[in-house]
């Protein structure tokens, strides 16, 4: 799903600017489903390939966050919240991903 499709689905769930825990869990589940679909389609062979999927989904999360913030006038979702999804689903992958981002910042 695109961030706009998710926005249409979840803007009603975020009643008066607050999302219920069950709706957040459904949203996180959608990101996990999207991750598996993208991974199956691309079949990454390296960490770099896998991390590009993480980057894409994190951007999607932040786009959705921006759409919800524009609609409600306040933050509904945490910035870079896809990392929270990774933390619950694959903590080792998150650690490697964040380490790679730190390395990129130092090298640039």
PDB file of N, CA and C in Angstrom:
ATOM      1  N   UNK A   1       0.846  -1.192   0.000  1.00  0.00           N
ATOM      2  CA  UNK A   1       0.000   0.000   0.000  1.00  0.00           C
ATOM      3  C   UNK A   1       0.884   1.245   0.000  1.00  0.00           C
ATOM      4  N   UNK A   2       0.423   2.264  -0.688  1.00  0.00           N
ATOM      5  CA  UNK A   2       1.148   3.529  -0.672  1.00  0.00           C
ATOM      6  C   UNK A   2       0.811   4.285   0.616  1.00  0.00           C
ATOM      7  N   UNK A   3       1.591   5.330   0.884  1.00  0.00           N
ATOM      8  CA  UNK A   3       1.312   6.113   2.093  1.00  0.00           C
ATOM      9  C   UNK A   3      -0.052   6.799   1.983  1.00  0.00           C
ATOM     10  N   UNK A   4      -0.453   7.194   0.783  1.00  0.00           N
ATOM     11  CA  UNK A   4      -1.775   7.813   0.604  1.00  0.00           C
ATOM     12  C   UNK A   4      -2.901   6.816   0.867  1.00  0.00           C
ATOM     13  N   UNK A   5      -2.725   5.588   0.410  1.00  0.00           N
ATOM     14  CA  UNK A   5      -3.733   4.549   0.669  1.00  0.00           C
ATOM     15  C   UNK A   5      -3.836   4.266   2.165  1.00  0.00           C
ATOM     16  N   UNK A   6      -2.687   4.206   2.831  1.00  0.00           N
ATOM     17  CA  UNK A   6      -2.695   4.005   4.282  1.00  0.00           C
ATOM     18  C   UNK A   6      -3.354   5.180   4.989  1.00  0.00           C
ATOM     19  N   UNK A   7      -3.089   6.394   4.496  1.00  0.00           N
ATOM     20  CA  UNK A   7      -3.699   7.585   5.084  1.00  0.00           C
ATOM     21  C   UNK A   7      -5.218   7.506   5.007  1.00  0.00           C
ATOM     22  N   UNK A   8      -5.730   7.141   3.834  1.00  0.00           N
ATOM     23  CA  UNK A   8      -7.183   7.024   3.680  1.00  0.00           C
ATOM     24  C   UNK A   8      -7.761   5.990   4.650  1.00  0.00           C
ATOM     25  N   UNK A   9      -7.012   4.907   4.827  1.00  0.00           N
ATOM     26  CA  UNK A   9      -7.482   3.831   5.707  1.00  0.00           C
ATOM     27  C   UNK A   9      -7.420   4.234   7.183  1.00  0.00           C
ATOM     28  N   UNK A  10      -6.371   4.959   7.575  1.00  0.00           N
ATOM     29  CA  UNK A  10      -6.151   5.211   9.001  1.00  0.00           C
ATOM     30  C   UNK A  10      -6.553   6.601   9.472  1.00  0.00           C
ATOM     31  N   UNK A  11      -6.907   7.515   8.574  1.00  0.00           N
ATOM     32  CA  UNK A  11      -7.286   8.849   9.057  1.00  0.00           C
ATOM     33  C   UNK A  11      -8.559   8.779   9.890  1.00  0.00           C
ATOM     34  N   UNK A  12      -9.445   7.856   9.555  1.00  0.00           N
ATOM     35  CA  UNK A  12     -10.661   7.680  10.349  1.00  0.00           C
ATOM     36  C   UNK A  12     -10.352   6.999  11.680  1.00  0.00           C
ATOM     37  N   UNK A  13      -9.308   6.161  11.682  1.00  0.00           N
ATOM     38  CA  UNK A  13      -8.935   5.460  12.915  1.00  0.00           C
ATOM     39  C   UNK A  13      -8.334   6.418  13.931  1.00  0.00           C
ATOM     40  N   UNK A  14      -7.714   7.485  13.443  1.00  0.00           N
ATOM     41  CA  UNK A  14      -7.079   8.448  14.342  1.00  0.00           C
ATOM     42  C   UNK A  14      -8.092   9.509  14.754  1.00  0.00           C
ATOM     43  N   UNK A  15      -9.048   9.089  15.525  1.00  0.00           N
ATOM     44  CA  UNK A  15     -10.123   9.990  15.948  1.00  0.00           C
ATOM     45  C   UNK A  15      -9.542  11.119  16.791  1.00  0.00           C
ATOM     46  N   UNK A  16      -9.854  12.318  16.392  1.00  0.00           N
ATOM     47  CA  UNK A  16      -9.405  13.535  17.063  1.00  0.00           C
ATOM     48  C   UNK A  16      -7.909  13.521  17.356  1.00  0.00           C
ATOM     49  N   UNK A  17      -7.154  12.941  16.465  1.00  0.00           N
ATOM     50  CA  UNK A  17      -5.702  13.015  16.567  1.00  0.00           C
ATOM     51  C   UNK A  17      -5.052  11.993  17.463  1.00  0.00           C
ATOM     52  N   UNK A  18      -5.765  10.934  17.839  1.00  0.00           N
ATOM     53  CA  UNK A  18      -5.183   9.874  18.669  1.00  0.00           C
ATOM     54  C   UNK A  18      -5.556   8.530  18.048  1.00  0.00           C
ATOM     55  N   UNK A  19      -4.539   7.682  17.845  1.00  0.00           N
ATOM     56  CA  UNK A  19      -4.804   6.356  17.288  1.00  0.00           C
ATOM     57  C   UNK A  19      -4.893   5.347  18.419  1.00  0.00           C
ATOM     58  N   UNK A  20      -5.862   4.458  18.315  1.00  0.00           N
ATOM     59  CA  UNK A  20      -5.999   3.379  19.292  1.00  0.00           C
ATOM     60  C   UNK A  20      -4.852   2.388  19.109  1.00  0.00           C
ATOM     61  N   UNK A  21      -4.502   1.711  20.182  1.00  0.00           N
ATOM     62  CA  UNK A  21      -3.411   0.739  20.137  1.00  0.00           C
ATOM     63  C   UNK A  21      -3.648  -0.333  19.075  1.00  0.00           C
ATOM     64  N   UNK A  22      -4.878  -0.813  18.953  1.00  0.00           N
ATOM     65  CA  UNK A  22      -5.167  -1.859  17.959  1.00  0.00           C
ATOM     66  C   UNK A  22      -4.937  -1.349  16.541  1.00  0.00           C
ATOM     67  N   UNK A  23      -5.239  -0.084  16.286  1.00  0.00           N
ATOM     68  CA  UNK A  23      -5.019   0.481  14.956  1.00  0.00           C
ATOM     69  C   UNK A  23      -3.524   0.641  14.671  1.00  0.00           C
ATOM     70  N   UNK A  24      -2.760   0.997  15.676  1.00  0.00           N
ATOM     71  CA  UNK A  24      -1.306   1.094  15.512  1.00  0.00           C
ATOM     72  C   UNK A  24      -0.738  -0.288  15.216  1.00  0.00           C
ATOM     73  N   UNK A  25      -1.234  -1.299  15.903  1.00  0.00           N
ATOM     74  CA  UNK A  25      -0.776  -2.676  15.653  1.00  0.00           C
ATOM     75  C   UNK A  25      -1.133  -3.128  14.236  1.00  0.00           C
ATOM     76  N   UNK A  26      -2.317  -2.759  13.762  1.00  0.00           N
ATOM     77  CA  UNK A  26      -2.718  -3.095  12.392  1.00  0.00           C
ATOM     78  C   UNK A  26      -1.809  -2.375  11.399  1.00  0.00           C
ATOM     79  N   UNK A  27      -1.519  -1.114  11.670  1.00  0.00           N
ATOM     80  CA  UNK A  27      -0.622  -0.341  10.803  1.00  0.00           C
ATOM     81  C   UNK A  27       0.767  -0.968  10.756  1.00  0.00           C
ATOM     82  N   UNK A  28       1.296  -1.328  11.912  1.00  0.00           N
ATOM     83  CA  UNK A  28       2.613  -1.968  11.959  1.00  0.00           C
ATOM     84  C   UNK A  28       2.586  -3.288  11.197  1.00  0.00           C
ATOM     85  N   UNK A  29       1.501  -4.037  11.337  1.00  0.00           N
ATOM     86  CA  UNK A  29       1.354  -5.288  10.603  1.00  0.00           C
ATOM     87  C   UNK A  29       1.350  -5.067   9.101  1.00  0.00           C
ATOM     88  N   UNK A  30       0.752  -3.966   8.664  1.00  0.00           N
ATOM     89  CA  UNK A  30       0.739  -3.647   7.232  1.00  0.00           C
ATOM     90  C   UNK A  30       2.160  -3.379   6.732  1.00  0.00           C
ATOM     91  N   UNK A  31       2.957  -2.701   7.541  1.00  0.00           N
ATOM     92  CA  UNK A  31       4.344  -2.443   7.150  1.00  0.00           C
ATOM     93  C   UNK A  31       5.150  -3.742   7.090  1.00  0.00           C
ATOM     94  N   UNK A  32       4.892  -4.656   7.998  1.00  0.00           N
ATOM     95  CA  UNK A  32       5.566  -5.958   7.960  1.00  0.00           C
ATOM     96  C   UNK A  32       5.151  -6.710   6.689  1.00  0.00           C
ATOM     97  N   UNK A  33       3.864  -6.689   6.367  1.00  0.00           N
ATOM     98  CA  UNK A  33       3.372  -7.328   5.150  1.00  0.00           C
ATOM     99  C   UNK A  33       4.020  -6.703   3.915  1.00  0.00           C
ATOM    100  N   UNK A  34       4.095  -5.379   3.892  1.00  0.00           N
ATOM    101  CA  UNK A  34       4.726  -4.684   2.764  1.00  0.00           C
ATOM    102  C   UNK A  34       6.198  -5.057   2.650  1.00  0.00           C
ATOM    103  N   UNK A  35       6.871  -5.154   3.791  1.00  0.00           N
ATOM    104  CA  UNK A  35       8.285  -5.542   3.778  1.00  0.00           C
ATOM    105  C   UNK A  35       8.464  -6.912   3.122  1.00  0.00           C
ATOM    106  N   UNK A  36       7.663  -7.871   3.543  1.00  0.00           N
ATOM    107  CA  UNK A  36       7.793  -9.226   2.995  1.00  0.00           C
ATOM    108  C   UNK A  36       7.470  -9.260   1.498  1.00  0.00           C
ATOM    109  N   UNK A  37       6.494  -8.473   1.076  1.00  0.00           N
ATOM    110  CA  UNK A  37       6.144  -8.422  -0.346  1.00  0.00           C
ATOM    111  C   UNK A  37       7.280  -7.824  -1.173  1.00  0.00           C
ATOM    112  N   UNK A  38       7.857  -6.732  -0.694  1.00  0.00           N
ATOM    113  CA  UNK A  38       8.966  -6.097  -1.412  1.00  0.00           C
ATOM    114  C   UNK A  38      10.182  -7.013  -1.415  1.00  0.00           C
ATOM    115  N   UNK A  39      10.454  -7.638  -0.276  1.00  0.00           N
ATOM    116  CA  UNK A  39      11.605  -8.538  -0.183  1.00  0.00           C
ATOM    117  C   UNK A  39      11.454  -9.718  -1.142  1.00  0.00           C
ATOM    118  N   UNK A  40      10.271 -10.278  -1.237  1.00  0.00           N
ATOM    119  CA  UNK A  40      10.038 -11.403  -2.153  1.00  0.00           C
ATOM    120  C   UNK A  40      10.199 -10.960  -3.607  1.00  0.00           C
ATOM    121  N   UNK A  41       9.749  -9.755  -3.905  1.00  0.00           N
ATOM    122  CA  UNK A  41       9.830  -9.243  -5.278  1.00  0.00           C
ATOM    123  C   UNK A  41      11.269  -8.933  -5.680  1.00  0.00           C
ATOM    124  N   UNK A  42      12.032  -8.331  -4.773  1.00  0.00           N
ATOM    125  CA  UNK A  42      13.404  -7.914  -5.102  1.00  0.00           C
ATOM    126  C   UNK A  42      14.445  -8.986  -4.819  1.00  0.00           C
ATOM    127  N   UNK A  43      14.151  -9.847  -3.853  1.00  0.00           N
ATOM    128  CA  UNK A  43      15.084 -10.912  -3.464  1.00  0.00           C
ATOM    129  C   UNK A  43      16.497 -10.389  -3.222  1.00  0.00           C
ATOM    130  N   UNK A  44      16.671  -9.491  -2.240  1.00  0.00           N
ATOM    131  CA  UNK A  44      17.993  -8.897  -2.009  1.00  0.00           C
ATOM    132  C   UNK A  44      19.013  -9.951  -1.559  1.00  0.00           C
ATOM    133  N   UNK A  45      20.217  -9.822  -2.070  1.00  0.00           N
ATOM    134  CA  UNK A  45      21.284 -10.776  -1.742  1.00  0.00           C
ATOM    135  C   UNK A  45      22.297 -10.194  -0.760  1.00  0.00           C
ATOM    136  N   UNK A  46      22.233  -8.894  -0.521  1.00  0.00           N
ATOM    137  CA  UNK A  46      23.204  -8.234   0.355  1.00  0.00           C
ATOM    138  C   UNK A  46      22.472  -7.405   1.410  1.00  0.00           C
ATOM    139  N   UNK A  47      23.218  -7.009   2.429  1.00  0.00           N
ATOM    140  CA  UNK A  47      22.645  -6.103   3.433  1.00  0.00           C
ATOM    141  C   UNK A  47      22.224  -4.794   2.784  1.00  0.00           C
ATOM    142  N   UNK A  48      23.021  -4.308   1.849  1.00  0.00           N
ATOM    143  CA  UNK A  48      22.694  -3.053   1.169  1.00  0.00           C
ATOM    144  C   UNK A  48      21.328  -3.149   0.486  1.00  0.00           C
ATOM    145  N   UNK A  49      21.060  -4.270  -0.157  1.00  0.00           N
ATOM    146  CA  UNK A  49      19.763  -4.472  -0.798  1.00  0.00           C
ATOM    147  C   UNK A  49      18.629  -4.519   0.208  1.00  0.00           C
ATOM    148  N   UNK A  50      18.865  -5.188   1.322  1.00  0.00           N
ATOM    149  CA  UNK A  50      17.865  -5.271   2.381  1.00  0.00           C
ATOM    150  C   UNK A  50      17.643  -3.907   3.025  1.00  0.00           C
ATOM    151  N   UNK A  51      18.731  -3.193   3.257  1.00  0.00           N
ATOM    152  CA  UNK A  51      18.630  -1.888   3.905  1.00  0.00           C
ATOM    153  C   UNK A  51      17.916  -0.869   3.011  1.00  0.00           C
ATOM    154  N   UNK A  52      18.008  -1.041   1.687  1.00  0.00           N
ATOM    155  CA  UNK A  52      17.278  -0.126   0.800  1.00  0.00           C
ATOM    156  C   UNK A  52      15.769  -0.295   0.991  1.00  0.00           C
ATOM    157  N   UNK A  53      15.345  -1.521   1.296  1.00  0.00           N
ATOM    158  CA  UNK A  53      13.926  -1.757   1.583  1.00  0.00           C
ATOM    159  C   UNK A  53      13.545  -1.065   2.894  1.00  0.00           C
ATOM    160  N   UNK A  54      14.416  -1.168   3.895  1.00  0.00           N
ATOM    161  CA  UNK A  54      14.165  -0.483   5.172  1.00  0.00           C
ATOM    162  C   UNK A  54      14.032   1.025   4.941  1.00  0.00           C
ATOM    163  N   UNK A  55      14.946   1.586   4.123  1.00  0.00           N
ATOM    164  CA  UNK A  55      14.892   3.023   3.824  1.00  0.00           C
ATOM    165  C   UNK A  55      13.565   3.397   3.169  1.00  0.00           C
ATOM    166  N   UNK A  56      13.159   2.586   2.199  1.00  0.00           N
ATOM    167  CA  UNK A  56      11.914   2.849   1.478  1.00  0.00           C
ATOM    168  C   UNK A  56      10.710   2.829   2.417  1.00  0.00           C
ATOM    169  N   UNK A  57      10.662   1.844   3.299  1.00  0.00           N
ATOM    170  CA  UNK A  57       9.528   1.744   4.220  1.00  0.00           C
ATOM    171  C   UNK A  57       9.578   2.829   5.288  1.00  0.00           C
ATOM    172  N   UNK A  58      10.762   3.244   5.691  1.00  0.00           N
ATOM    173  CA  UNK A  58      10.870   4.333   6.659  1.00  0.00           C
ATOM    174  C   UNK A  58      10.390   5.642   6.026  1.00  0.00           C
ATOM    175  N   UNK A  59      10.724   5.857   4.744  1.00  0.00           N
ATOM    176  CA  UNK A  59      10.231   7.048   4.034  1.00  0.00           C
ATOM    177  C   UNK A  59       8.709   7.001   3.935  1.00  0.00           C
ATOM    178  N   UNK A  60       8.181   5.828   3.637  1.00  0.00           N
ATOM    179  CA  UNK A  60       6.733   5.656   3.554  1.00  0.00           C
ATOM    180  C   UNK A  60       6.074   5.978   4.891  1.00  0.00           C
ATOM    181  N   UNK A  61       6.679   5.489   5.991  1.00  0.00           N
ATOM    182  CA  UNK A  61       6.169   5.784   7.335  1.00  0.00           C
ATOM    183  C   UNK A  61       6.148   7.294   7.564  1.00  0.00           C
ATOM    184  N   UNK A  62       7.265   7.958   7.231  1.00  0.00           N
ATOM    185  CA  UNK A  62       7.352   9.398   7.455  1.00  0.00           C
ATOM    186  C   UNK A  62       6.393  10.172   6.561  1.00  0.00           C
ATOM    187  N   UNK A  63       6.148   9.688   5.335  1.00  0.00           N
ATOM    188  CA  UNK A  63       5.142  10.318   4.471  1.00  0.00           C
ATOM    189  C   UNK A  63       3.753  10.197   5.092  1.00  0.00           C
ATOM    190  N   UNK A  64       3.422   9.016   5.591  1.00  0.00           N
ATOM    191  CA  UNK A  64       2.140   8.813   6.260  1.00  0.00           C
ATOM    192  C   UNK A  64       2.034   9.704   7.488  1.00  0.00           C
ATOM    193  N   UNK A  65       3.105   9.778   8.236  1.00  0.00           N
ATOM    194  CA  UNK A  65       3.151  10.649   9.424  1.00  0.00           C
ATOM    195  C   UNK A  65       2.839  12.092   9.029  1.00  0.00           C
ATOM    196  N   UNK A  66       3.445  12.552   7.927  1.00  0.00           N
ATOM    197  CA  UNK A  66       3.212  13.917   7.457  1.00  0.00           C
ATOM    198  C   UNK A  66       1.769  14.148   7.022  1.00  0.00           C
ATOM    199  N   UNK A  67       1.189  13.171   6.339  1.00  0.00           N
ATOM    200  CA  UNK A  67      -0.205  13.287   5.921  1.00  0.00           C
ATOM    201  C   UNK A  67      -1.142  13.373   7.129  1.00  0.00           C
ATOM    202  N   UNK A  68      -0.895  12.514   8.121  1.00  0.00           N
ATOM    203  CA  UNK A  68      -1.725  12.551   9.330  1.00  0.00           C
ATOM    204  C   UNK A  68      -1.520  13.848  10.106  1.00  0.00           C
ATOM    205  N   UNK A  69      -0.280  14.318  10.152  1.00  0.00           N
ATOM    206  CA  UNK A  69      -0.002  15.577  10.858  1.00  0.00           C
ATOM    207  C   UNK A  69      -0.709  16.739  10.162  1.00  0.00           C
ATOM    208  N   UNK A  70      -0.684  16.748   8.836  1.00  0.00           N
ATOM    209  CA  UNK A  70      -1.382  17.802   8.096  1.00  0.00           C
ATOM    210  C   UNK A  70      -2.883  17.758   8.306  1.00  0.00           C
ATOM    211  N   UNK A  71      -3.431  16.566   8.420  1.00  0.00           N
ATOM    212  CA  UNK A  71      -4.872  16.393   8.599  1.00  0.00           C
ATOM    213  C   UNK A  71      -5.315  16.807  10.001  1.00  0.00           C
ATOM    214  N   UNK A  72      -4.553  16.420  11.002  1.00  0.00           N
ATOM    215  CA  UNK A  72      -4.930  16.687  12.396  1.00  0.00           C
ATOM    216  C   UNK A  72      -4.241  17.888  13.019  1.00  0.00           C
ATOM    217  N   UNK A  73      -3.184  18.373  12.378  1.00  0.00           N
ATOM    218  CA  UNK A  73      -2.463  19.515  12.931  1.00  0.00           C
ATOM    219  C   UNK A  73      -1.537  19.155  14.077  1.00  0.00           C
ATOM    220  N   UNK A  74      -1.310  17.869  14.281  1.00  0.00           N
ATOM    221  CA  UNK A  74      -0.367  17.428  15.315  1.00  0.00           C
ATOM    222  C   UNK A  74       0.159  16.050  14.956  1.00  0.00           C
ATOM    223  N   UNK A  75       1.283  15.702  15.580  1.00  0.00           N
ATOM    224  CA  UNK A  75       1.886  14.400  15.304  1.00  0.00           C
ATOM    225  C   UNK A  75       1.039  13.269  15.875  1.00  0.00           C
ATOM    226  N   UNK A  76       0.784  12.283  15.025  1.00  0.00           N
ATOM    227  CA  UNK A  76       0.065  11.082  15.442  1.00  0.00           C
ATOM    228  C   UNK A  76       1.064   9.931  15.579  1.00  0.00           C
ATOM    229  N   UNK A  77       2.020   9.898  14.661  1.00  0.00           N
ATOM    230  CA  UNK A  77       3.019   8.826  14.624  1.00  0.00           C
ATOM    231  C   UNK A  77       4.399   9.385  14.941  1.00  0.00           C
ATOM    232  N   UNK A  78       5.243   8.531  15.497  1.00  0.00           N
ATOM    233  CA  UNK A  78       6.623   8.924  15.788  1.00  0.00           C
ATOM    234  C   UNK A  78       7.414   9.072  14.493  1.00  0.00           C
ATOM    235  N   UNK A  79       8.366  10.019  14.464  1.00  0.00           N
ATOM    236  CA  UNK A  79       9.252  10.075  13.297  1.00  0.00           C
ATOM    237  C   UNK A  79      10.076   8.785  13.211  1.00  0.00           C
ATOM    238  N   UNK A  80      10.313   8.335  12.005  1.00  0.00           N
ATOM    239  CA  UNK A  80      11.093   7.113  11.773  1.00  0.00           C
ATOM    240  C   UNK A  80      10.529   5.923  12.541  1.00  0.00           C
ATOM    241  N   UNK A  81       9.228   5.862  12.640  1.00  0.00           N
ATOM    242  CA  UNK A  81       8.577   4.808  13.402  1.00  0.00           C
ATOM    243  C   UNK A  81       8.730   3.413  12.818  1.00  0.00           C
ATOM    244  N   UNK A  82       9.133   3.338  11.544  1.00  0.00           N
ATOM    245  CA  UNK A  82       9.369   2.005  10.983  1.00  0.00           C
ATOM    246  C   UNK A  82      10.471   1.297  11.763  1.00  0.00           C
ATOM    247  N   UNK A  83      11.383   2.063  12.351  1.00  0.00           N
ATOM    248  CA  UNK A  83      12.421   1.449  13.190  1.00  0.00           C
ATOM    249  C   UNK A  83      11.812   0.715  14.380  1.00  0.00           C
ATOM    250  N   UNK A  84      10.699   1.223  14.896  1.00  0.00           N
ATOM    251  CA  UNK A  84      10.004   0.536  15.990  1.00  0.00           C
ATOM    252  C   UNK A  84       9.445  -0.797  15.520  1.00  0.00           C
ATOM    253  N   UNK A  85       8.959  -0.818  14.279  1.00  0.00           N
ATOM    254  CA  UNK A  85       8.474  -2.072  13.704  1.00  0.00           C
ATOM    255  C   UNK A  85       9.633  -3.066  13.625  1.00  0.00           C
ATOM    256  N   UNK A  86      10.767  -2.588  13.127  1.00  0.00           N
ATOM    257  CA  UNK A  86      11.944  -3.458  13.041  1.00  0.00           C
ATOM    258  C   UNK A  86      12.391  -3.933  14.419  1.00  0.00           C
ATOM    259  N   UNK A  87      12.319  -3.045  15.400  1.00  0.00           N
ATOM    260  CA  UNK A  87      12.753  -3.402  16.754  1.00  0.00           C
ATOM    261  C   UNK A  87      11.945  -4.580  17.294  1.00  0.00           C
ATOM    262  N   UNK A  88      10.656  -4.604  16.989  1.00  0.00           N
ATOM    263  CA  UNK A  88       9.820  -5.692  17.493  1.00  0.00           C
ATOM    264  C   UNK A  88       9.952  -6.952  16.654  1.00  0.00           C
ATOM    265  N   UNK A  89      10.189  -6.794  15.349  1.00  0.00           N
ATOM    266  CA  UNK A  89      10.203  -7.940  14.442  1.00  0.00           C
ATOM    267  C   UNK A  89      11.595  -8.523  14.212  1.00  0.00           C
ATOM    268  N   UNK A  90      12.595  -7.649  14.152  1.00  0.00           N
ATOM    269  CA  UNK A  90      13.956  -8.104  13.813  1.00  0.00           C
ATOM    270  C   UNK A  90      14.990  -7.176  14.440  1.00  0.00           C
ATOM    271  N   UNK A  91      15.188  -7.285  15.762  1.00  0.00           N
ATOM    272  CA  UNK A  91      16.097  -6.355  16.443  1.00  0.00           C
ATOM    273  C   UNK A  91      17.537  -6.395  15.916  1.00  0.00           C
ATOM    274  N   UNK A  92      18.019  -7.576  15.514  1.00  0.00           N
ATOM    275  CA  UNK A  92      19.386  -7.666  15.004  1.00  0.00           C
ATOM    276  C   UNK A  92      19.508  -6.928  13.675  1.00  0.00           C
ATOM    277  N   UNK A  93      18.485  -7.049  12.846  1.00  0.00           N
ATOM    278  CA  UNK A  93      18.478  -6.343  11.559  1.00  0.00           C
ATOM    279  C   UNK A  93      18.455  -4.833  11.789  1.00  0.00           C
ATOM    280  N   UNK A  94      17.680  -4.381  12.764  1.00  0.00           N
ATOM    281  CA  UNK A  94      17.629  -2.955  13.079  1.00  0.00           C
ATOM    282  C   UNK A  94      18.998  -2.464  13.510  1.00  0.00           C
ATOM    283  N   UNK A  95      19.657  -3.207  14.373  1.00  0.00           N
ATOM    284  CA  UNK A  95      20.983  -2.807  14.850  1.00  0.00           C
ATOM    285  C   UNK A  95      21.970  -2.683  13.687  1.00  0.00           C
ATOM    286  N   UNK A  96      21.982  -3.670  12.807  1.00  0.00           N
ATOM    287  CA  UNK A  96      22.880  -3.633  11.648  1.00  0.00           C
ATOM    288  C   UNK A  96      22.526  -2.459  10.727  1.00  0.00           C
ATOM    289  N   UNK A  97      21.246  -2.237  10.542  1.00  0.00           N
ATOM    290  CA  UNK A  97      20.771  -1.137   9.693  1.00  0.00           C
ATOM    291  C   UNK A  97      21.216   0.206  10.262  1.00  0.00           C
ATOM    292  N   UNK A  98      20.992   0.421  11.544  1.00  0.00           N
ATOM    293  CA  UNK A  98      21.378   1.693  12.164  1.00  0.00           C
ATOM    294  C   UNK A  98      22.895   1.871  12.166  1.00  0.00           C
ATOM    295  N   UNK A  99      23.629   0.785  12.392  1.00  0.00           N
ATOM    296  CA  UNK A  99      25.099   0.852  12.317  1.00  0.00           C
ATOM    297  C   UNK A  99      25.545   1.273  10.921  1.00  0.00           C
ATOM    298  N   UNK A 100      24.906   0.738   9.901  1.00  0.00           N
ATOM    299  CA  UNK A 100      25.286   1.095   8.522  1.00  0.00           C
ATOM    300  C   UNK A 100      24.998   2.563   8.257  1.00  0.00           C
ATOM    301  N   UNK A 101      23.913   3.085   8.823  1.00  0.00           N
ATOM    302  CA  UNK A 101      23.585   4.504   8.639  1.00  0.00           C
ATOM    303  C   UNK A 101      24.633   5.382   9.322  1.00  0.00           C
ATOM    304  N   UNK A 102      25.096   4.980  10.488  1.00  0.00           N
ATOM    305  CA  UNK A 102      26.135   5.739  11.186  1.00  0.00           C
ATOM    306  C   UNK A 102      27.420   5.737  10.364  1.00  0.00           C
ATOM    307  N   UNK A 103      27.784   4.602   9.795  1.00  0.00           N
ATOM    308  CA  UNK A 103      28.973   4.502   8.974  1.00  0.00           C
ATOM    309  C   UNK A 103      28.870   5.433   7.772  1.00  0.00           C
ATOM    310  N   UNK A 104      27.709   5.488   7.137  1.00  0.00           N
ATOM    311  CA  UNK A 104      27.505   6.363   5.987  1.00  0.00           C
ATOM    312  C   UNK A 104      27.666   7.824   6.371  1.00  0.00           C
ATOM    313  N   UNK A 105      27.158   8.203   7.546  1.00  0.00           N
ATOM    314  CA  UNK A 105      27.273   9.587   7.992  1.00  0.00           C
ATOM    315  C   UNK A 105      28.727   9.971   8.212  1.00  0.00           C
ATOM    316  N   UNK A 106      29.515   9.063   8.749  1.00  0.00           N
ATOM    317  CA  UNK A 106      30.915   9.341   9.026  1.00  0.00           C
ATOM    318  C   UNK A 106      31.695   9.459   7.718  1.00  0.00           C
ATOM    319  N   UNK A 107      31.392   8.618   6.756  1.00  0.00           N
ATOM    320  CA  UNK A 107      32.130   8.581   5.495  1.00  0.00           C
ATOM    321  C   UNK A 107      31.801   9.788   4.629  1.00  0.00           C
ATOM    322  N   UNK A 108      30.582  10.249   4.670  1.00  0.00           N
ATOM    323  CA  UNK A 108      30.158  11.357   3.787  1.00  0.00           C
ATOM    324  C   UNK A 108      30.902  12.576   4.079  1.00  0.00           C
TER     325      UNK A 108
END
